[in-house]
């Protein structure tokens, strides 16, 4: 009987002396359970578990970080940002938290702050590819092409198999009219990801810009073999066919593009030009009118020039 009392006394004393240890243990259990719930798609349960963990241990970065991930997936970016802020406060060098905080800033239209977080994430972990990729994408979107190209070049050096880096650097070099370099990058992207319609179509556009219309059409054909509903391939092939004076084929491609996207004024205006070349004046003017009614200002000039309206 004395031994039992002694055990109870020791147990109570231990709890009294080390309450934080038990709170931390239970908090970690809730984080573990919440993580499993999140993976299974039970977001409400996951949020509840992470919140319980935080109530038990307000200095547990894993709880804030994982709750932030759930909020991020739910597109509740401000709540996610608050949690990632707390994570970084508790663990300043956690690269993944800096990356996701940067993504939140981006979605909240704060690209300048996002750039700082992506850069900080790379400083904390230079091997974090997603940070380098998103840094490059934000630079590309904000028009800082030199920094964007630098980011993707670093990615390529570190991982020559990173297809997206080749592709995006190709887009940048296309914009800066470094066509030979862009073609090499698109070739490499297509080599690493054969049949990707986006890569093939972008390479086709690059060739068309240089007047290589037959070669461009070959790429658009390959893109459509991979995805028969790839709008951009029909649209751009229609333009290439027009430049080769293949007006019927051009009209056909624009019509197929319009089946996929009936409100594309680019396709309507393209088809109208093809129909004008085919002497289908009435049909061409009807396309120009539709484009005008959809709000494309270019259509007004064409209506005045070709249809006397």
Protein backbone atom coordinates (compact mmCIF):
# COMPACT_ATOMS: atom_id res chain seq x y z
CA UNK A 1 0.00 0.00 0.00
CA UNK A 2 2.88 2.37 0.77
CA UNK A 3 4.44 1.56 -2.63
CA UNK A 4 1.21 2.48 -4.40
CA UNK A 5 1.01 5.76 -2.54
CA UNK A 6 4.67 6.43 -3.31
CA UNK A 7 4.07 5.81 -7.04
CA UNK A 8 1.06 8.12 -7.10
CA UNK A 9 2.98 10.78 -5.22
CA UNK A 10 5.98 10.55 -7.58
CA UNK A 11 3.69 10.63 -10.62
CA UNK A 12 1.86 13.73 -9.37
CA UNK A 13 5.12 15.46 -8.51
CA UNK A 14 6.51 14.66 -11.96
CA UNK A 15 3.45 16.14 -13.63
CA UNK A 16 3.72 19.19 -11.44
CA UNK A 17 7.40 19.69 -12.14
CA UNK A 18 7.33 18.97 -15.92
CA UNK A 19 3.91 19.97 -17.29
CA UNK A 20 5.52 21.38 -20.43
CA UNK A 21 6.98 18.03 -21.42
CA UNK A 22 3.56 16.41 -21.46
CA UNK A 23 1.95 19.33 -23.25
CA UNK A 24 4.66 19.15 -25.92
CA UNK A 25 4.20 15.39 -26.28
CA UNK A 26 0.44 15.72 -26.75
CA UNK A 27 0.92 18.66 -29.11
CA UNK A 28 3.25 16.59 -31.29
CA UNK A 29 0.68 13.79 -31.30
CA UNK A 30 -1.96 16.21 -32.58
CA UNK A 31 0.44 17.41 -35.30
CA UNK A 32 1.05 13.83 -36.36
CA UNK A 33 -2.66 13.07 -36.45
CA UNK A 34 -3.42 16.30 -38.26
CA UNK A 35 -0.78 15.56 -40.90
CA UNK A 36 -2.34 12.17 -41.60
CA UNK A 37 -5.82 13.72 -41.80
CA UNK A 38 -4.57 16.36 -44.26
CA UNK A 39 -3.01 13.71 -46.51
CA UNK A 40 -6.34 11.88 -46.59
CA UNK A 41 -8.19 15.07 -47.47
CA UNK A 42 -9.92 15.58 -44.11
CA UNK A 43 -9.05 19.26 -43.96
CA UNK A 44 -11.46 20.23 -41.17
CA UNK A 45 -10.09 17.47 -38.93
CA UNK A 46 -6.54 18.47 -39.79
CA UNK A 47 -7.15 22.13 -38.96
CA UNK A 48 -8.76 21.13 -35.67
CA UNK A 49 -5.80 18.95 -34.70
CA UNK A 50 -3.19 21.56 -35.61
CA UNK A 51 -5.12 24.19 -33.65
CA UNK A 52 -5.25 21.90 -30.61
CA UNK A 53 -1.51 21.38 -30.91
CA UNK A 54 -0.94 25.13 -30.94
CA UNK A 55 -3.11 25.58 -27.83
CA UNK A 56 -1.01 22.99 -26.04
CA UNK A 57 2.31 24.32 -27.27
CA UNK A 58 2.28 27.79 -28.83
CA UNK A 59 5.96 27.50 -29.77
CA UNK A 60 5.69 24.39 -31.94
CA UNK A 61 6.65 25.52 -35.50
CA UNK A 62 5.47 22.26 -37.11
CA UNK A 63 1.89 22.96 -35.98
CA UNK A 64 1.81 26.43 -37.55
CA UNK A 65 3.57 25.25 -40.71
CA UNK A 66 1.24 22.31 -41.34
CA UNK A 67 -1.85 24.36 -40.59
CA UNK A 68 -0.53 26.96 -43.00
CA UNK A 69 -0.21 24.31 -45.71
CA UNK A 70 -3.85 23.33 -45.25
CA UNK A 71 -5.00 26.94 -45.41
CA UNK A 72 -2.86 27.43 -48.50
CA UNK A 73 -4.46 24.46 -50.24
CA UNK A 74 -7.85 25.95 -49.35
CA UNK A 75 -6.69 29.23 -50.98
CA UNK A 76 -7.13 31.03 -47.66
CA UNK A 77 -3.88 32.87 -48.27
CA UNK A 78 -4.08 35.44 -45.47
CA UNK A 79 -4.61 32.74 -42.83
CA UNK A 80 -1.82 30.69 -44.38
CA UNK A 81 0.44 33.75 -44.35
CA UNK A 82 -0.22 34.31 -40.65
CA UNK A 83 0.81 30.73 -39.88
CA UNK A 84 3.93 30.87 -42.05
CA UNK A 85 4.87 34.16 -40.40
CA UNK A 86 4.69 32.44 -37.03
CA UNK A 87 6.68 29.48 -38.35
CA UNK A 88 9.47 31.74 -39.61
CA UNK A 89 9.41 33.68 -36.33
CA UNK A 90 10.00 30.43 -34.43
CA UNK A 91 12.38 28.92 -37.00
CA UNK A 92 13.87 31.68 -39.21
CA UNK A 93 15.92 29.34 -41.40
CA UNK A 94 13.10 26.97 -42.40
CA UNK A 95 13.36 27.17 -46.19
CA UNK A 96 10.01 25.51 -46.93
CA UNK A 97 8.18 27.98 -44.70
CA UNK A 98 9.88 30.90 -46.45
CA UNK A 99 8.95 29.40 -49.82
CA UNK A 100 5.29 29.03 -48.90
CA UNK A 101 5.17 32.45 -47.31
CA UNK A 102 6.50 33.81 -50.58
CA UNK A 103 3.75 31.97 -52.46
CA UNK A 104 1.16 33.55 -50.16
CA UNK A 105 2.57 37.01 -50.82
CA UNK A 106 2.42 36.30 -54.54
CA UNK A 107 -1.24 35.27 -54.37
CA UNK A 108 -1.94 38.38 -52.32
CA UNK A 109 -0.46 40.50 -55.15
CA UNK A 110 2.72 41.35 -53.28
CA UNK A 111 5.29 40.12 -55.81
CA UNK A 112 8.07 42.33 -54.42
CA UNK A 113 7.79 40.70 -50.98
CA UNK A 114 7.42 37.26 -52.57
CA UNK A 115 10.77 37.77 -54.32
CA UNK A 116 12.43 38.50 -50.97
CA UNK A 117 11.03 35.32 -49.42
CA UNK A 118 12.00 33.11 -52.37
CA UNK A 119 15.51 34.57 -52.20
CA UNK A 120 15.65 33.96 -48.43
CA UNK A 121 14.46 30.38 -48.95
CA UNK A 122 17.30 29.80 -51.42
CA UNK A 123 19.79 31.33 -49.00
CA UNK A 124 18.58 28.89 -46.35
CA UNK A 125 18.61 25.94 -48.76
CA UNK A 126 20.27 26.49 -52.14
CA UNK A 127 18.97 23.10 -53.37
CA UNK A 128 15.30 24.09 -53.03
CA UNK A 129 14.23 23.92 -56.69
CA UNK A 130 10.71 25.21 -56.14
CA UNK A 131 12.07 28.42 -54.62
CA UNK A 132 14.36 29.03 -57.58
CA UNK A 133 11.58 28.21 -60.06
CA UNK A 134 9.06 30.53 -58.42
CA UNK A 135 11.65 33.27 -58.12
CA UNK A 136 12.25 32.99 -61.85
CA UNK A 137 8.54 32.96 -62.64
CA UNK A 138 7.84 36.07 -60.58
CA UNK A 139 10.76 37.90 -62.19
CA UNK A 140 9.39 36.81 -65.59
CA UNK A 141 5.88 37.99 -64.75
CA UNK A 142 7.09 41.35 -63.46
CA UNK A 143 9.23 41.93 -66.55
CA UNK A 144 12.67 41.51 -64.97
CA UNK A 145 13.88 39.19 -67.72
CA UNK A 146 17.58 39.35 -66.82
CA UNK A 147 16.97 38.12 -63.26
CA UNK A 148 14.44 35.56 -64.51
CA UNK A 149 16.93 34.11 -66.97
CA UNK A 150 19.59 34.03 -64.25
CA UNK A 151 17.27 32.05 -61.95
CA UNK A 152 16.46 29.44 -64.58
CA UNK A 153 20.10 29.19 -65.64
CA UNK A 154 21.07 28.40 -62.05
CA UNK A 155 18.37 25.73 -61.94
CA UNK A 156 19.66 24.17 -65.16
CA UNK A 157 23.24 24.07 -63.87
CA UNK A 158 22.12 22.36 -60.69
CA UNK A 159 19.72 19.98 -62.39
CA UNK A 160 20.10 19.59 -66.18
CA UNK A 161 17.02 17.32 -66.19
CA UNK A 162 14.72 20.07 -64.92
CA UNK A 163 12.49 20.42 -67.98
CA UNK A 164 10.51 23.46 -66.82
CA UNK A 165 13.70 25.46 -66.36
CA UNK A 166 14.76 24.85 -69.99
CA UNK A 167 11.27 25.76 -71.19
CA UNK A 168 10.95 29.00 -69.23
CA UNK A 169 14.45 30.12 -70.15
CA UNK A 170 13.46 29.49 -73.76
CA UNK A 171 10.44 31.76 -73.33
CA UNK A 172 12.65 34.49 -71.90
CA UNK A 173 15.18 34.21 -74.71
CA UNK A 174 12.35 34.35 -77.23
CA UNK A 175 11.15 37.61 -75.67
CA UNK A 176 14.66 39.07 -75.77
CA UNK A 177 15.01 37.91 -79.41
CA UNK A 178 17.87 35.58 -78.59
CA UNK A 179 16.34 33.10 -81.01
CA UNK A 180 19.20 30.61 -81.32
CA UNK A 181 19.45 30.24 -77.56
CA UNK A 182 15.66 29.99 -77.27
CA UNK A 183 15.55 27.23 -79.87
CA UNK A 184 18.26 25.26 -78.05
CA UNK A 185 16.28 25.57 -74.82
CA UNK A 186 12.99 24.50 -76.42
CA UNK A 187 14.76 21.58 -78.14
CA UNK A 188 16.07 20.42 -74.77
CA UNK A 189 12.64 20.80 -73.13
CA UNK A 190 11.04 18.74 -75.91
CA UNK A 191 13.81 16.14 -75.63
CA UNK A 192 13.19 15.78 -71.90
CA UNK A 193 9.41 15.83 -72.26
CA UNK A 194 8.52 14.46 -75.71
CA UNK A 195 5.01 15.20 -76.88
CA UNK A 196 4.39 18.08 -74.47
CA UNK A 197 1.98 20.26 -76.52
CA UNK A 198 2.91 23.48 -74.73
CA UNK A 199 6.62 23.03 -75.42
CA UNK A 200 6.02 21.99 -79.03
CA UNK A 201 3.65 24.86 -79.69
CA UNK A 202 6.02 27.41 -78.18
CA UNK A 203 8.86 26.09 -80.33
CA UNK A 204 6.57 26.35 -83.34
CA UNK A 205 5.79 29.99 -82.55
CA UNK A 206 9.52 30.71 -82.30
CA UNK A 207 10.10 29.19 -85.73
CA UNK A 208 7.15 31.09 -87.22
CA UNK A 209 8.49 34.40 -85.89
CA UNK A 210 11.63 33.71 -87.90
CA UNK A 211 9.60 32.95 -91.04
CA UNK A 212 10.16 29.18 -90.81
CA UNK A 213 6.50 28.41 -91.39
CA UNK A 214 6.84 24.85 -92.66
CA UNK A 215 8.98 23.90 -89.66
CA UNK A 216 6.54 25.70 -87.36
CA UNK A 217 3.60 23.74 -88.78
CA UNK A 218 5.45 20.48 -88.10
CA UNK A 219 5.65 21.45 -84.41
CA UNK A 220 1.99 22.46 -84.30
CA UNK A 221 1.09 19.11 -85.92
CA UNK A 222 3.08 17.26 -83.23
CA UNK A 223 1.39 19.30 -80.48
CA UNK A 224 -2.03 18.36 -81.85
CA UNK A 225 -1.06 14.70 -82.05
CA UNK A 226 -0.48 14.85 -78.30
CA UNK A 227 -3.58 16.94 -77.54
CA UNK A 228 -6.26 17.27 -80.21
CA UNK A 229 -7.91 20.07 -78.22
CA UNK A 230 -4.83 22.26 -77.82
CA UNK A 231 -6.22 25.66 -78.76
CA UNK A 232 -2.92 27.51 -79.22
CA UNK A 233 -1.68 24.96 -81.77
CA UNK A 234 -4.73 25.46 -84.00
CA UNK A 235 -4.55 29.24 -83.60
CA UNK A 236 -0.87 29.48 -84.46
CA UNK A 237 -1.01 26.88 -87.21
CA UNK A 238 -3.83 28.91 -88.76
CA UNK A 239 -1.54 31.95 -88.86
CA UNK A 240 1.34 29.93 -90.31
CA UNK A 241 -0.93 28.51 -93.01
CA UNK A 242 -2.11 32.04 -93.84
CA UNK A 243 1.48 33.21 -94.27
CA UNK A 244 2.05 30.32 -96.68
CA UNK A 245 -1.05 31.48 -98.62
CA UNK A 246 -2.89 28.28 -97.69
CA UNK A 247 -6.08 30.16 -96.98
CA UNK A 248 -8.47 27.21 -96.84
CA UNK A 249 -6.27 25.39 -94.34
CA UNK A 250 -5.93 28.62 -92.38
CA UNK A 251 -9.71 29.06 -92.26
CA UNK A 252 -10.11 25.45 -91.15
CA UNK A 253 -7.61 25.81 -88.31
CA UNK A 254 -9.21 29.00 -87.03
CA UNK A 255 -12.63 27.31 -87.15
CA UNK A 256 -11.28 24.42 -85.07
CA UNK A 257 -9.80 26.88 -82.60
CA UNK A 258 -13.21 28.54 -82.27
CA UNK A 259 -14.86 25.21 -81.51
CA UNK A 260 -12.54 24.96 -78.51
CA UNK A 261 -12.82 28.63 -77.51
CA UNK A 262 -15.88 30.28 -79.13
CA UNK A 263 -15.09 33.70 -77.64
CA UNK A 264 -11.54 34.02 -78.96
CA UNK A 265 -11.42 37.28 -80.90
CA UNK A 266 -7.94 36.38 -82.17
CA UNK A 267 -9.37 33.28 -83.84
CA UNK A 268 -12.33 35.24 -85.22
CA UNK A 269 -10.14 37.94 -86.71
CA UNK A 270 -7.73 35.35 -88.08
CA UNK A 271 -10.53 33.44 -89.73
CA UNK A 272 -11.97 36.67 -91.11
CA UNK A 273 -8.66 37.46 -92.85
CA UNK A 274 -8.53 33.94 -94.29
CA UNK A 275 -12.09 34.33 -95.56
CA UNK A 276 -11.27 37.70 -97.06
CA UNK A 277 -8.41 36.07 -98.97
CA UNK A 278 -10.87 33.40 -100.15
CA UNK A 279 -13.30 36.15 -101.31
CA UNK A 280 -15.86 35.13 -98.67
CA UNK A 281 -16.56 38.75 -97.92
CA UNK A 282 -19.91 38.30 -96.18
CA UNK A 283 -18.58 35.58 -93.82
CA UNK A 284 -15.42 37.57 -93.14
CA UNK A 285 -17.38 40.69 -92.21
CA UNK A 286 -19.61 38.59 -89.95
CA UNK A 287 -16.48 37.40 -88.08
CA UNK A 288 -15.19 40.96 -87.74
CA UNK A 289 -18.56 42.03 -86.34
CA UNK A 290 -18.54 39.22 -83.78
CA UNK A 291 -15.04 40.21 -82.69
CA UNK A 292 -16.15 43.85 -82.42
CA UNK A 293 -19.20 42.90 -80.37
CA UNK A 294 -16.92 40.93 -78.04
CA UNK A 295 -14.94 44.11 -77.41
CA UNK A 296 -11.85 43.69 -79.60
CA UNK A 297 -10.88 47.23 -80.77
CA UNK A 298 -8.90 45.89 -83.74
CA UNK A 299 -12.12 44.65 -85.35
CA UNK A 300 -13.43 48.21 -85.86
CA UNK A 301 -10.51 49.12 -88.09
CA UNK A 302 -10.94 45.95 -90.15
CA UNK A 303 -14.69 46.56 -90.53
CA UNK A 304 -14.00 50.07 -91.77
CA UNK A 305 -11.30 48.91 -94.19
CA UNK A 306 -12.88 45.77 -95.61
CA UNK A 307 -16.61 46.04 -94.92
CA UNK A 308 -17.11 49.81 -95.14
CA UNK A 309 -18.72 49.90 -91.70
